[in-house]
Amino acid sequence: MAIVGVIGGSGLYRIDGITGVKEVTVKTPFGDPSDHFVTGVLEGPPAGEAGTRVVFLPRHGRGHRISPSEINHRANIYGMKELGVAAIISVSACGSLKEQYKPMDFVVPDQFLDRTRKARADTFFTNGIVAHVAFADPVSPEIADIIDASAKALKLTVHKGGTYVNMEGPQFSTRAESNLYRSWGMDIIGMTNLTEAKLAREAEISYATLAAVTDYDCWHPNHGSVTLEMVIANLNKNVANARNILKVAIPQVGKLKTFSAANALQYAIMTSRDMIPADVKKQLAPIIGKYIK
């Protein structure tokens, strides 16, 4: 069975039902990940069925000490690759930009829009190696379908599809920004997931987001502007639902035989093989090793 990675966002710092828990420290060429990786096995259902190996990482670190702009996404995804992860379910809080996406709902977006401003390292391919991966469809449909079906099986409200605007943060939007994104037809807004998706694709890890709606950003005339108190209150109410979705979805992802991102680099590396620096080949071996020795 495939190893499934879970990146937890605001409010999700652990997964229930994991046995054989170990904390693993991964050293990467890109610095330290957000925290130790937690590995273990999620048993069944059904009872007696082989469990699914899981690797969990809290995106902001335990204690929520890393700001969205400061997350070392390269180290996080590199660590997942080192640990053999084939698919990542990314759980995060988001604001809603549409009336029908209500607080306490879930959204499984299929597109991202970049509105970050600070330099976020979002590629492994630098320092003498260039690669261009296809990214028209940034979310892996096989993972998104399972997340959507798992939420529905639990009778939870979930919306499949839509565009996630990745803003900079850590401040929330101005009303002008919120209304601009709405005029563009955007659906939800958050601060982290686009960079993860880019790097996961480069690492040939299938990726999808489970976004938990906590607020209406600041555009809604009948709801107060988003505050941290509002976000935390709704997260605390919905975190149990997110954990339940994961318990249903993870075993199904683990059973998949094929992953849409598995060969993303096959035709993407542009640099002449004899021109790639030896140290870069060594550093990127977990990612490019099956193509370049």
Protein backbone atom coordinates (compact mmCIF):
# COMPACT_ATOMS: atom_id res chain seq x y z
CA MET A 1 0.00 0.00 0.00
CA ALA A 2 1.07 3.57 -0.69
CA ILE A 3 2.32 5.80 2.10
CA VAL A 4 -0.01 8.76 2.65
CA GLY A 5 1.22 12.12 3.87
CA VAL A 6 -0.94 14.58 5.79
CA ILE A 7 0.01 18.21 6.29
CA GLY A 8 -2.02 19.74 9.09
CA GLY A 9 -2.84 23.43 9.16
CA SER A 10 -4.36 25.70 11.76
CA GLY A 11 -6.11 23.59 14.39
CA LEU A 12 -4.96 20.19 13.15
CA TYR A 13 -1.82 19.14 14.98
CA ARG A 14 -2.40 15.38 15.17
CA ILE A 15 -4.36 12.53 13.56
CA ASP A 16 -6.53 10.19 15.61
CA GLY A 17 -6.26 6.41 15.35
CA ILE A 18 -2.56 6.18 14.46
CA THR A 19 -0.65 3.31 16.07
CA GLY A 20 3.08 2.63 16.26
CA VAL A 21 3.76 6.35 16.41
CA LYS A 22 7.33 7.50 15.92
CA GLU A 23 8.83 10.95 15.57
CA VAL A 24 11.31 11.18 12.73
CA THR A 25 13.81 13.97 12.12
CA VAL A 26 14.66 14.54 8.47
CA LYS A 27 17.67 16.61 7.46
CA THR A 28 17.23 18.25 4.07
CA PRO A 29 19.45 20.29 1.71
CA PHE A 30 16.90 23.08 2.13
CA GLY A 31 17.01 23.43 5.90
CA ASP A 32 14.70 22.27 8.64
CA PRO A 33 11.08 21.20 8.09
CA SER A 34 8.34 22.75 10.19
CA ASP A 35 8.64 20.04 12.84
CA HIS A 36 9.45 16.38 13.36
CA PHE A 37 7.53 14.08 11.04
CA VAL A 38 5.16 11.73 12.85
CA THR A 39 4.89 8.28 11.30
CA GLY A 40 2.55 5.42 12.13
CA VAL A 41 -0.20 3.16 10.85
CA LEU A 42 -3.89 3.97 10.55
CA GLU A 43 -5.81 0.74 11.08
CA GLY A 44 -8.87 -0.31 9.00
CA PRO A 45 -11.74 -0.02 8.35
CA PRO A 46 -12.73 -2.78 8.02
CA ALA A 47 -11.27 -4.31 11.16
CA GLY A 48 -8.45 -6.69 10.47
CA GLU A 49 -7.53 -5.09 7.15
CA ALA A 50 -3.90 -4.06 6.72
CA GLY A 51 -3.35 -0.58 8.00
CA THR A 52 -2.18 2.40 5.97
CA ARG A 53 1.21 3.91 6.66
CA VAL A 54 0.89 7.62 7.37
CA VAL A 55 3.35 10.49 7.66
CA PHE A 56 2.04 13.60 9.42
CA LEU A 57 3.55 17.08 9.65
CA PRO A 58 2.09 20.20 11.30
CA ARG A 59 2.61 22.96 8.74
CA HIS A 60 3.12 25.73 11.29
CA GLY A 61 4.96 23.54 13.80
CA ARG A 62 3.56 22.38 17.09
CA GLY A 63 2.41 25.38 19.05
CA HIS A 64 1.73 27.22 15.76
CA ARG A 65 5.01 29.12 15.81
CA ILE A 66 5.75 29.52 12.06
CA SER A 67 4.08 32.31 10.09
CA PRO A 68 2.68 31.48 6.61
CA SER A 69 5.41 33.50 4.89
CA GLU A 70 8.13 31.72 6.86
CA ILE A 71 7.16 28.08 6.24
CA ASN A 72 9.99 26.09 4.70
CA HIS A 73 7.82 24.30 2.14
CA ARG A 74 10.81 22.84 0.29
CA ALA A 75 12.06 21.11 3.43
CA ASN A 76 8.54 19.90 4.25
CA ILE A 77 7.90 18.33 0.85
CA TYR A 78 11.47 17.01 0.52
CA GLY A 79 11.03 15.27 3.88
CA MET A 80 7.77 13.71 2.71
CA LYS A 81 9.57 12.41 -0.38
CA GLU A 82 12.44 11.02 1.67
CA LEU A 83 9.94 9.12 3.80
CA GLY A 84 8.35 7.49 0.76
CA VAL A 85 5.10 9.45 0.59
CA ALA A 86 3.15 8.98 -2.67
CA ALA A 87 0.18 11.25 -1.92
CA ILE A 88 -0.47 14.24 0.33
CA ILE A 89 -3.75 15.40 1.83
CA SER A 90 -3.28 18.99 2.93
CA VAL A 91 -5.71 20.24 5.56
CA SER A 92 -6.05 23.99 6.00
CA ALA A 93 -8.38 26.72 7.16
CA CYS A 94 -9.77 29.09 4.57
CA GLY A 95 -12.06 32.07 4.15
CA SER A 96 -15.09 31.91 1.88
CA LEU A 97 -15.53 34.31 -1.04
CA LYS A 98 -18.95 32.99 -2.02
CA GLU A 99 -22.26 32.93 -0.17
CA GLN A 100 -22.80 29.20 -0.71
CA TYR A 101 -19.51 28.25 0.96
CA LYS A 102 -20.57 28.66 4.57
CA PRO A 103 -18.45 28.54 7.72
CA MET A 104 -18.18 24.89 8.83
CA ASP A 105 -18.35 23.66 5.21
CA PHE A 106 -15.44 21.96 3.48
CA VAL A 107 -14.05 22.74 0.02
CA VAL A 108 -11.82 20.58 -2.18
CA PRO A 109 -10.41 23.16 -4.62
CA ASP A 110 -9.02 22.21 -8.03
CA GLN A 111 -7.23 25.45 -8.90
CA PHE A 112 -4.97 28.02 -7.21
CA LEU A 113 -4.21 31.69 -7.82
CA ASP A 114 -0.99 33.24 -6.51
CA ARG A 115 -1.32 36.59 -4.73
CA THR A 116 1.80 36.29 -2.56
CA ARG A 117 4.37 39.09 -2.59
CA LYS A 118 7.35 37.90 -0.58
CA ALA A 119 9.80 35.46 -2.12
CA ARG A 120 8.59 31.98 -1.24
CA ALA A 121 10.98 29.28 -2.42
CA ASP A 122 8.66 27.22 -4.61
CA THR A 123 10.96 25.03 -6.71
CA PHE A 124 13.63 22.42 -6.09
CA PHE A 125 15.26 23.22 -9.41
CA THR A 126 17.88 25.92 -8.90
CA ASN A 127 21.69 26.18 -8.74
CA GLY A 128 22.43 24.60 -12.11
CA ILE A 129 19.35 22.52 -12.89
CA VAL A 130 16.11 23.63 -14.55
CA ALA A 131 12.81 21.77 -14.80
CA HIS A 132 9.37 22.84 -16.02
CA VAL A 133 6.56 20.62 -14.73
CA ALA A 134 3.04 20.78 -16.14
CA PHE A 135 0.80 22.53 -13.62
CA ALA A 136 -2.40 23.34 -15.51
CA ASP A 137 -4.26 21.02 -13.15
CA PRO A 138 -2.47 21.47 -9.81
CA VAL A 139 -4.65 19.11 -7.79
CA SER A 140 -4.50 15.34 -8.28
CA PRO A 141 -8.06 14.23 -9.13
CA GLU A 142 -7.74 10.75 -7.66
CA ILE A 143 -7.06 12.26 -4.22
CA ALA A 144 -9.67 15.02 -4.55
CA ASP A 145 -12.34 12.48 -5.49
CA ILE A 146 -11.63 10.39 -2.40
CA ILE A 147 -11.69 13.40 -0.06
CA ASP A 148 -15.00 14.57 -1.54
CA ALA A 149 -16.60 11.13 -1.31
CA SER A 150 -15.32 10.63 2.24
CA ALA A 151 -16.89 13.89 3.45
CA LYS A 152 -20.17 13.02 1.76
CA ALA A 153 -20.18 9.55 3.30
CA LEU A 154 -20.02 11.25 6.70
CA LYS A 155 -22.97 13.52 5.73
CA LEU A 156 -20.77 16.60 5.89
CA THR A 157 -21.21 19.55 3.56
CA VAL A 158 -18.42 19.58 0.99
CA HIS A 159 -17.96 21.50 -2.26
CA LYS A 160 -15.76 19.91 -4.92
CA GLY A 161 -13.87 22.23 -7.24
CA GLY A 162 -13.17 25.95 -7.14
CA THR A 163 -10.20 28.28 -6.94
CA TYR A 164 -8.12 28.90 -3.81
CA VAL A 165 -6.53 32.36 -3.73
CA ASN A 166 -3.17 32.13 -1.98
CA MET A 167 -2.69 35.53 -0.32
CA GLU A 168 0.46 36.55 1.54
CA GLY A 169 -0.70 37.06 5.10
CA PRO A 170 -0.27 37.02 8.00
CA GLN A 171 -2.79 39.86 8.01
CA PHE A 172 -6.28 39.12 6.70
CA SER A 173 -7.60 40.82 3.55
CA THR A 174 -8.73 44.39 3.18
CA ARG A 175 -12.35 44.74 2.06
CA ALA A 176 -11.13 46.04 -1.31
CA GLU A 177 -8.99 42.94 -1.83
CA SER A 178 -11.80 40.62 -0.80
CA ASN A 179 -14.23 42.25 -3.21
CA LEU A 180 -11.63 42.18 -6.00
CA TYR A 181 -11.16 38.42 -5.61
CA ARG A 182 -14.91 37.97 -5.65
CA SER A 183 -15.16 39.98 -8.88
CA TRP A 184 -12.63 37.57 -10.39
CA GLY A 185 -14.85 34.61 -9.51
CA MET A 186 -12.55 33.20 -6.83
CA ASP A 187 -14.01 30.80 -4.28
CA ILE A 188 -11.87 30.55 -1.13
CA ILE A 189 -8.81 32.28 0.28
CA GLY A 190 -5.87 31.03 2.34
CA MET A 191 -2.17 31.63 2.94
CA THR A 192 -0.25 28.40 2.30
CA ASN A 193 -1.39 25.73 -0.13
CA LEU A 194 -0.17 26.85 -3.56
CA THR A 195 3.53 26.53 -2.73
CA GLU A 196 2.92 23.06 -1.29
CA ALA A 197 1.12 22.01 -4.45
CA LYS A 198 3.92 23.25 -6.72
CA LEU A 199 6.63 21.45 -4.79
CA ALA A 200 4.60 18.27 -4.42
CA ARG A 201 4.20 18.14 -8.20
CA GLU A 202 7.95 18.60 -8.68
CA ALA A 203 8.53 15.78 -6.20
CA GLU A 204 6.04 13.58 -8.09
CA ILE A 205 3.72 13.40 -5.07
CA SER A 206 -0.01 13.56 -5.79
CA TYR A 207 -1.59 16.40 -3.82
CA ALA A 208 -5.03 17.68 -2.85
CA THR A 209 -6.41 20.12 -0.30
CA LEU A 210 -9.17 19.69 2.25
CA ALA A 211 -10.07 23.28 3.09
CA ALA A 212 -12.19 23.99 6.16
CA VAL A 213 -14.22 27.20 5.82
CA THR A 214 -13.97 29.31 8.97
CA ASP A 215 -15.34 32.70 7.88
CA TYR A 216 -16.57 34.96 5.07
CA ASP A 217 -13.31 36.91 4.88
CA CYS A 218 -14.52 40.53 5.18
CA TRP A 219 -16.82 41.03 2.18
CA HIS A 220 -20.11 39.72 3.57
CA PRO A 221 -22.50 42.54 4.61
CA ASN A 222 -24.28 40.37 7.20
CA HIS A 223 -21.19 38.91 8.86
CA GLY A 224 -18.44 40.63 10.78
CA SER A 225 -14.97 40.88 9.31
CA VAL A 226 -12.78 37.85 9.91
CA THR A 227 -10.96 37.80 13.24
CA LEU A 228 -8.61 35.26 14.78
CA GLU A 229 -11.20 34.61 17.49
CA MET A 230 -13.75 33.71 14.80
CA VAL A 231 -11.30 31.47 12.94
CA ILE A 232 -10.24 29.57 16.06
CA ALA A 233 -13.83 29.13 17.27
CA ASN A 234 -14.97 27.60 13.98
CA LEU A 235 -11.81 25.52 13.64
CA ASN A 236 -12.32 24.00 17.05
CA LYS A 237 -15.87 23.10 16.07
CA ASN A 238 -14.84 21.54 12.78
CA VAL A 239 -11.50 19.89 13.57
CA ALA A 240 -13.25 16.68 14.64
CA ASN A 241 -14.99 16.57 11.26
CA ALA A 242 -11.66 17.02 9.48
CA ARG A 243 -10.15 14.15 11.49
CA ASN A 244 -13.11 11.94 10.65
CA ILE A 245 -12.73 12.70 6.94
CA LEU A 246 -9.05 11.77 7.15
CA LYS A 247 -9.84 8.46 8.86
CA VAL A 248 -12.12 7.51 5.96
CA ALA A 249 -10.00 8.97 3.15
CA ILE A 250 -6.49 7.84 4.12
CA PRO A 251 -7.07 4.06 3.73
CA GLN A 252 -8.68 4.61 0.32
CA VAL A 253 -5.77 6.75 -0.87
CA GLY A 254 -3.38 4.11 0.42
CA LYS A 255 -5.07 1.48 -1.76
CA LEU A 256 -4.63 3.43 -5.00
CA LYS A 257 -2.46 1.67 -7.55
CA THR A 258 -1.66 4.72 -9.70
CA PHE A 259 -1.03 8.37 -8.92
CA SER A 260 -1.38 11.15 -11.45
CA ALA A 261 1.78 12.97 -10.35
CA ALA A 262 4.00 9.86 -10.35
CA ASN A 263 5.78 10.76 -13.60
CA ALA A 264 5.56 14.56 -13.52
CA LEU A 265 9.31 14.96 -14.10
CA GLN A 266 9.60 12.48 -16.95
CA TYR A 267 9.94 15.16 -19.64
CA ALA A 268 10.38 18.22 -17.40
CA ILE A 269 14.14 18.38 -16.75
CA MET A 270 15.67 20.70 -19.36
CA THR A 271 19.30 20.82 -18.28
CA SER A 272 21.84 18.69 -20.13
CA ARG A 273 22.65 15.76 -17.90
CA ASP A 274 26.39 16.32 -18.10
CA MET A 275 25.95 19.96 -17.05
CA ILE A 276 24.12 19.30 -13.78
CA PRO A 277 26.50 19.89 -10.84
CA ALA A 278 27.37 16.70 -8.95
CA ASP A 279 26.34 18.16 -5.61
CA VAL A 280 22.93 19.11 -7.02
CA LYS A 281 22.44 15.56 -8.32
CA LYS A 282 23.26 14.26 -4.87
CA GLN A 283 20.98 16.72 -3.06
CA LEU A 284 18.03 16.04 -5.35
CA ALA A 285 18.56 12.27 -5.58
CA PRO A 286 15.27 11.44 -3.80
CA ILE A 287 13.43 13.54 -6.41
CA ILE A 288 15.37 13.06 -9.65
CA GLY A 289 17.19 9.80 -8.95
CA LYS A 290 15.02 7.66 -11.20
CA TYR A 291 15.85 9.92 -14.15
CA ILE A 292 19.38 11.12 -13.45
CA LYS A 293 22.14 9.15 -11.73
